[in-house]
Amino acid sequence: MKVVVTSSGKSLDAAVDPRFGRAPQFICVDTATGETTVVDNTAGVSAAQGAGVQAAETVARLGADCLLTGHCGPKAFRALEAANIPVYVGASGTVADALQQLEKGRLERATQPDVGGHWA
């Protein structure tokens, strides 16, 4: 399974970034192989608008089976939902911690966005 986690850094030891669209990096982990890919999200960080939708497109291009993040706004949530990518909000700690939270069933799949648009 390919899991994408919003990250403030470039390793599994980096903190989960609570913002989906404006997270500096996405870390994509293939749980079957352990392969890790870091994807820069500079475009999202500096976007005047549309950061969440752009980020959702990036996650879809990565072939993600699910997304772990702190929070997800309405437009990004709809874009991820349209791409059939489950969103798990409330991830915290390091990227490695978030992966363990998912594995142990401590994260719940979001059924709706948990913040309003343009959340900072």
N, C-alpha and C. Protein backbone atom coordinates (compact mmCIF):
# COMPACT_ATOMS: atom_id res chain seq x y z
N MET A 1 0.85 -1.17 0.00
CA MET A 1 0.00 0.00 0.00
C MET A 1 0.89 1.24 0.00
N LYS A 2 0.54 2.23 -0.80
CA LYS A 2 1.27 3.49 -0.83
C LYS A 2 0.54 4.49 0.06
N VAL A 3 1.25 4.95 1.08
CA VAL A 3 0.71 5.90 2.04
C VAL A 3 1.46 7.21 1.89
N VAL A 4 0.74 8.31 1.70
CA VAL A 4 1.36 9.63 1.63
C VAL A 4 1.08 10.35 2.94
N VAL A 5 2.15 10.96 3.50
CA VAL A 5 2.06 11.68 4.76
C VAL A 5 2.56 13.10 4.54
N THR A 6 1.82 14.09 5.05
CA THR A 6 2.28 15.47 4.97
C THR A 6 3.43 15.65 5.96
N SER A 7 4.49 16.31 5.52
CA SER A 7 5.69 16.38 6.35
C SER A 7 6.34 17.76 6.33
N SER A 8 6.95 18.09 7.46
CA SER A 8 7.70 19.35 7.55
C SER A 8 9.15 19.14 7.15
N GLY A 9 9.55 17.91 6.91
CA GLY A 9 10.93 17.61 6.54
C GLY A 9 11.00 16.50 5.52
N LYS A 10 12.22 15.96 5.37
CA LYS A 10 12.46 15.01 4.29
C LYS A 10 12.77 13.59 4.75
N SER A 11 12.37 13.27 5.98
CA SER A 11 12.65 11.92 6.47
C SER A 11 11.49 11.41 7.32
N LEU A 12 11.53 10.14 7.66
CA LEU A 12 10.50 9.56 8.50
C LEU A 12 10.53 10.13 9.91
N ASP A 13 11.65 10.75 10.28
CA ASP A 13 11.78 11.37 11.60
C ASP A 13 11.26 12.80 11.63
N ALA A 14 10.88 13.34 10.49
CA ALA A 14 10.35 14.71 10.42
C ALA A 14 8.94 14.75 11.00
N ALA A 15 8.56 15.91 11.48
CA ALA A 15 7.22 16.09 12.04
C ALA A 15 6.17 16.06 10.94
N VAL A 16 5.01 15.49 11.27
CA VAL A 16 3.86 15.56 10.38
C VAL A 16 3.46 17.03 10.29
N ASP A 17 3.27 17.52 9.08
CA ASP A 17 2.77 18.89 8.94
C ASP A 17 1.25 18.83 9.00
N PRO A 18 0.63 19.62 9.87
CA PRO A 18 -0.82 19.53 10.04
C PRO A 18 -1.61 20.07 8.85
N ARG A 19 -0.95 20.81 7.96
CA ARG A 19 -1.65 21.41 6.81
C ARG A 19 -1.45 20.52 5.60
N PHE A 20 -2.52 20.16 4.93
CA PHE A 20 -2.38 19.33 3.75
C PHE A 20 -1.81 20.12 2.57
N GLY A 21 -2.53 21.09 2.09
CA GLY A 21 -2.13 21.80 0.87
C GLY A 21 -0.85 22.59 0.98
N ARG A 22 -0.52 23.03 2.17
CA ARG A 22 0.67 23.87 2.34
C ARG A 22 1.81 23.17 3.09
N ALA A 23 1.73 21.86 3.18
CA ALA A 23 2.85 21.11 3.76
C ALA A 23 4.07 21.24 2.85
N PRO A 24 5.25 21.45 3.41
CA PRO A 24 6.45 21.60 2.57
C PRO A 24 6.81 20.36 1.76
N GLN A 25 6.54 19.19 2.31
CA GLN A 25 6.84 17.95 1.62
C GLN A 25 5.73 16.94 1.82
N PHE A 26 5.70 15.99 0.91
CA PHE A 26 4.90 14.78 1.07
C PHE A 26 5.88 13.63 1.08
N ILE A 27 5.69 12.71 2.01
CA ILE A 27 6.51 11.52 2.02
C ILE A 27 5.61 10.35 1.67
N CYS A 28 5.98 9.68 0.58
CA CYS A 28 5.21 8.54 0.10
C CYS A 28 5.96 7.27 0.50
N VAL A 29 5.28 6.42 1.26
CA VAL A 29 5.88 5.19 1.75
C VAL A 29 5.12 3.99 1.18
N ASP A 30 5.85 3.12 0.53
CA ASP A 30 5.27 1.86 0.07
C ASP A 30 5.42 0.89 1.23
N THR A 31 4.33 0.56 1.89
CA THR A 31 4.40 -0.27 3.09
C THR A 31 4.81 -1.71 2.79
N ALA A 32 4.65 -2.14 1.54
CA ALA A 32 5.03 -3.50 1.18
C ALA A 32 6.54 -3.64 0.99
N THR A 33 7.16 -2.59 0.44
CA THR A 33 8.60 -2.67 0.13
C THR A 33 9.46 -1.82 1.06
N GLY A 34 8.83 -0.86 1.75
CA GLY A 34 9.59 0.06 2.60
C GLY A 34 10.19 1.22 1.82
N GLU A 35 9.98 1.25 0.51
CA GLU A 35 10.52 2.33 -0.33
C GLU A 35 9.88 3.66 0.07
N THR A 36 10.71 4.69 0.20
CA THR A 36 10.25 6.01 0.60
C THR A 36 10.62 7.03 -0.47
N THR A 37 9.66 7.86 -0.85
CA THR A 37 9.89 8.92 -1.82
C THR A 37 9.48 10.24 -1.20
N VAL A 38 10.35 11.24 -1.29
CA VAL A 38 10.05 12.58 -0.78
C VAL A 38 9.67 13.45 -1.97
N VAL A 39 8.52 14.12 -1.85
CA VAL A 39 8.05 14.99 -2.93
C VAL A 39 7.94 16.41 -2.40
N ASP A 40 8.61 17.32 -3.06
CA ASP A 40 8.60 18.73 -2.68
C ASP A 40 7.25 19.35 -3.03
N ASN A 41 6.72 20.15 -2.12
CA ASN A 41 5.44 20.83 -2.35
C ASN A 41 5.60 22.34 -2.30
N THR A 42 6.73 22.85 -2.78
CA THR A 42 6.98 24.28 -2.77
C THR A 42 5.88 25.05 -3.49
N ALA A 43 5.36 24.49 -4.56
CA ALA A 43 4.29 25.17 -5.31
C ALA A 43 3.07 25.39 -4.42
N GLY A 44 2.74 24.41 -3.60
CA GLY A 44 1.60 24.54 -2.70
C GLY A 44 1.84 25.53 -1.59
N VAL A 45 3.05 25.53 -1.06
CA VAL A 45 3.39 26.43 0.04
C VAL A 45 3.24 27.88 -0.40
N SER A 46 3.65 28.17 -1.63
CA SER A 46 3.64 29.56 -2.09
C SER A 46 2.42 29.93 -2.93
N ALA A 47 1.49 29.01 -3.13
CA ALA A 47 0.30 29.30 -3.95
C ALA A 47 -0.60 30.32 -3.28
N ALA A 48 -1.08 31.27 -4.06
CA ALA A 48 -2.02 32.26 -3.53
C ALA A 48 -3.37 31.61 -3.24
N GLN A 49 -3.74 30.67 -4.06
CA GLN A 49 -4.98 29.92 -3.87
C GLN A 49 -4.86 28.59 -4.59
N GLY A 50 -5.71 27.65 -4.24
CA GLY A 50 -5.72 26.35 -4.91
C GLY A 50 -4.67 25.38 -4.42
N ALA A 51 -4.03 25.67 -3.29
CA ALA A 51 -2.96 24.80 -2.79
C ALA A 51 -3.47 23.39 -2.51
N GLY A 52 -4.65 23.28 -1.92
CA GLY A 52 -5.19 21.96 -1.57
C GLY A 52 -5.50 21.12 -2.79
N VAL A 53 -6.08 21.72 -3.80
CA VAL A 53 -6.42 20.98 -5.02
C VAL A 53 -5.14 20.56 -5.74
N GLN A 54 -4.15 21.47 -5.81
CA GLN A 54 -2.87 21.12 -6.43
C GLN A 54 -2.21 19.98 -5.67
N ALA A 55 -2.26 20.03 -4.35
CA ALA A 55 -1.66 18.98 -3.53
C ALA A 55 -2.39 17.65 -3.76
N ALA A 56 -3.72 17.70 -3.88
CA ALA A 56 -4.49 16.48 -4.13
C ALA A 56 -4.09 15.86 -5.47
N GLU A 57 -3.85 16.69 -6.47
CA GLU A 57 -3.41 16.19 -7.78
C GLU A 57 -2.05 15.51 -7.65
N THR A 58 -1.16 16.10 -6.86
CA THR A 58 0.16 15.50 -6.64
C THR A 58 0.03 14.14 -5.96
N VAL A 59 -0.79 14.07 -4.94
CA VAL A 59 -0.98 12.81 -4.21
C VAL A 59 -1.57 11.74 -5.14
N ALA A 60 -2.49 12.13 -5.99
CA ALA A 60 -3.07 11.18 -6.95
C ALA A 60 -2.02 10.70 -7.94
N ARG A 61 -1.17 11.60 -8.42
CA ARG A 61 -0.11 11.21 -9.36
C ARG A 61 0.87 10.23 -8.73
N LEU A 62 1.04 10.32 -7.43
CA LEU A 62 1.94 9.39 -6.72
C LEU A 62 1.35 7.99 -6.61
N GLY A 63 0.07 7.85 -6.95
CA GLY A 63 -0.59 6.55 -6.85
C GLY A 63 -0.92 6.17 -5.43
N ALA A 64 -1.20 7.17 -4.60
CA ALA A 64 -1.46 6.94 -3.17
C ALA A 64 -2.72 6.11 -2.96
N ASP A 65 -2.62 5.21 -1.98
CA ASP A 65 -3.78 4.45 -1.55
C ASP A 65 -4.49 5.14 -0.40
N CYS A 66 -3.78 6.02 0.30
CA CYS A 66 -4.40 6.84 1.35
C CYS A 66 -3.47 7.99 1.71
N LEU A 67 -4.04 8.98 2.40
CA LEU A 67 -3.32 10.17 2.83
C LEU A 67 -3.45 10.31 4.34
N LEU A 68 -2.32 10.60 5.01
CA LEU A 68 -2.31 10.90 6.43
C LEU A 68 -1.89 12.35 6.60
N THR A 69 -2.69 13.12 7.33
CA THR A 69 -2.38 14.53 7.53
C THR A 69 -3.02 15.00 8.83
N GLY A 70 -2.72 16.21 9.20
CA GLY A 70 -3.35 16.78 10.39
C GLY A 70 -4.77 17.22 10.09
N HIS A 71 -4.93 17.99 9.01
CA HIS A 71 -6.22 18.57 8.66
C HIS A 71 -6.37 18.63 7.14
N CYS A 72 -7.61 18.63 6.69
CA CYS A 72 -7.89 18.70 5.25
C CYS A 72 -9.11 19.58 5.03
N GLY A 73 -8.96 20.56 4.14
CA GLY A 73 -10.05 21.48 3.83
C GLY A 73 -11.02 20.93 2.79
N PRO A 74 -12.10 21.68 2.54
CA PRO A 74 -13.18 21.16 1.68
C PRO A 74 -12.82 20.91 0.22
N LYS A 75 -12.11 21.81 -0.41
CA LYS A 75 -11.80 21.60 -1.83
C LYS A 75 -10.81 20.45 -2.01
N ALA A 76 -9.81 20.40 -1.16
CA ALA A 76 -8.84 19.30 -1.23
C ALA A 76 -9.53 17.98 -0.92
N PHE A 77 -10.40 17.97 0.08
CA PHE A 77 -11.10 16.74 0.44
C PHE A 77 -11.93 16.22 -0.73
N ARG A 78 -12.65 17.13 -1.39
CA ARG A 78 -13.46 16.72 -2.54
C ARG A 78 -12.58 16.16 -3.67
N ALA A 79 -11.43 16.80 -3.90
CA ALA A 79 -10.53 16.33 -4.97
C ALA A 79 -9.97 14.95 -4.63
N LEU A 80 -9.60 14.74 -3.38
CA LEU A 80 -9.09 13.43 -2.96
C LEU A 80 -10.19 12.37 -3.01
N GLU A 81 -11.38 12.76 -2.61
CA GLU A 81 -12.52 11.84 -2.65
C GLU A 81 -12.81 11.43 -4.10
N ALA A 82 -12.74 12.40 -5.02
CA ALA A 82 -12.99 12.10 -6.43
C ALA A 82 -11.93 11.15 -6.99
N ALA A 83 -10.71 11.20 -6.43
CA ALA A 83 -9.63 10.31 -6.87
C ALA A 83 -9.63 9.00 -6.09
N ASN A 84 -10.66 8.80 -5.25
CA ASN A 84 -10.78 7.57 -4.44
C ASN A 84 -9.59 7.35 -3.51
N ILE A 85 -9.10 8.46 -2.92
CA ILE A 85 -7.99 8.39 -1.97
C ILE A 85 -8.54 8.69 -0.58
N PRO A 86 -8.60 7.69 0.29
CA PRO A 86 -9.08 7.91 1.66
C PRO A 86 -8.17 8.90 2.40
N VAL A 87 -8.78 9.75 3.20
CA VAL A 87 -8.06 10.76 3.98
C VAL A 87 -8.20 10.41 5.45
N TYR A 88 -7.07 10.40 6.14
CA TYR A 88 -7.04 10.19 7.59
C TYR A 88 -6.48 11.46 8.21
N VAL A 89 -7.30 12.15 8.99
CA VAL A 89 -6.85 13.38 9.65
C VAL A 89 -6.51 13.07 11.11
N GLY A 90 -5.83 14.01 11.73
CA GLY A 90 -5.45 13.84 13.13
C GLY A 90 -4.10 13.18 13.31
N ALA A 91 -3.38 12.93 12.21
CA ALA A 91 -2.05 12.36 12.32
C ALA A 91 -1.14 13.35 13.04
N SER A 92 -0.26 12.84 13.89
CA SER A 92 0.61 13.73 14.66
C SER A 92 1.93 13.04 14.96
N GLY A 93 2.85 13.79 15.55
CA GLY A 93 4.18 13.27 15.84
C GLY A 93 5.03 13.29 14.59
N THR A 94 5.86 12.28 14.44
CA THR A 94 6.70 12.17 13.25
C THR A 94 5.95 11.41 12.16
N VAL A 95 6.53 11.43 10.97
CA VAL A 95 5.95 10.66 9.87
C VAL A 95 5.89 9.18 10.26
N ALA A 96 6.97 8.68 10.87
CA ALA A 96 6.98 7.28 11.32
C ALA A 96 5.88 7.02 12.35
N ASP A 97 5.65 7.99 13.25
CA ASP A 97 4.57 7.85 14.24
C ASP A 97 3.21 7.74 13.54
N ALA A 98 3.00 8.59 12.53
CA ALA A 98 1.72 8.59 11.81
C ALA A 98 1.49 7.25 11.12
N LEU A 99 2.54 6.68 10.55
CA LEU A 99 2.42 5.38 9.90
C LEU A 99 2.05 4.31 10.92
N GLN A 100 2.63 4.39 12.11
CA GLN A 100 2.28 3.44 13.17
C GLN A 100 0.85 3.64 13.65
N GLN A 101 0.42 4.91 13.73
CA GLN A 101 -0.95 5.21 14.13
C GLN A 101 -1.93 4.56 13.15
N LEU A 102 -1.63 4.63 11.85
CA LEU A 102 -2.49 4.01 10.85
C LEU A 102 -2.47 2.48 11.00
N GLU A 103 -1.28 1.92 11.12
CA GLU A 103 -1.13 0.47 11.23
C GLU A 103 -1.88 -0.09 12.45
N LYS A 104 -1.88 0.66 13.54
CA LYS A 104 -2.52 0.19 14.78
C LYS A 104 -3.99 0.58 14.87
N GLY A 105 -4.52 1.18 13.79
CA GLY A 105 -5.94 1.54 13.76
C GLY A 105 -6.30 2.73 14.63
N ARG A 106 -5.33 3.60 14.89
CA ARG A 106 -5.58 4.75 15.76
C ARG A 106 -6.02 6.00 15.00
N LEU A 107 -6.05 5.91 13.68
CA LEU A 107 -6.54 7.02 12.87
C LEU A 107 -7.86 6.61 12.23
N GLU A 108 -8.79 7.53 12.23
CA GLU A 108 -10.08 7.25 11.60
C GLU A 108 -10.15 7.91 10.24
N ARG A 109 -10.76 7.19 9.31
CA ARG A 109 -10.95 7.75 7.98
C ARG A 109 -11.94 8.91 8.07
N ALA A 110 -11.57 10.03 7.47
CA ALA A 110 -12.43 11.21 7.47
C ALA A 110 -13.59 11.01 6.51
N THR A 111 -14.75 11.46 6.92
CA THR A 111 -15.92 11.40 6.05
C THR A 111 -16.28 12.77 5.50
N GLN A 112 -15.55 13.78 5.98
CA GLN A 112 -15.76 15.16 5.52
C GLN A 112 -14.53 15.98 5.90
N PRO A 113 -14.38 17.17 5.31
CA PRO A 113 -13.26 18.02 5.69
C PRO A 113 -13.37 18.40 7.17
N ASP A 114 -12.24 18.65 7.81
CA ASP A 114 -12.30 19.00 9.22
C ASP A 114 -11.91 20.45 9.50
N VAL A 115 -11.64 21.23 8.45
CA VAL A 115 -11.40 22.66 8.60
C VAL A 115 -12.07 23.38 7.43
N GLY A 116 -12.30 24.68 7.58
CA GLY A 116 -12.87 25.47 6.51
C GLY A 116 -11.81 25.79 5.47
N GLY A 117 -12.22 26.39 4.40
CA GLY A 117 -11.30 26.79 3.35
C GLY A 117 -10.30 27.81 3.84
N HIS A 118 -9.13 27.80 3.22
CA HIS A 118 -8.05 28.75 3.51
C HIS A 118 -7.60 28.71 4.96
N TRP A 119 -7.62 27.50 5.55
CA TRP A 119 -7.13 27.34 6.90
C TRP A 119 -5.62 27.51 6.90
N ALA A 120 -5.09 28.27 7.84
CA ALA A 120 -3.63 28.49 7.90
C ALA A 120 -3.08 27.60 8.94
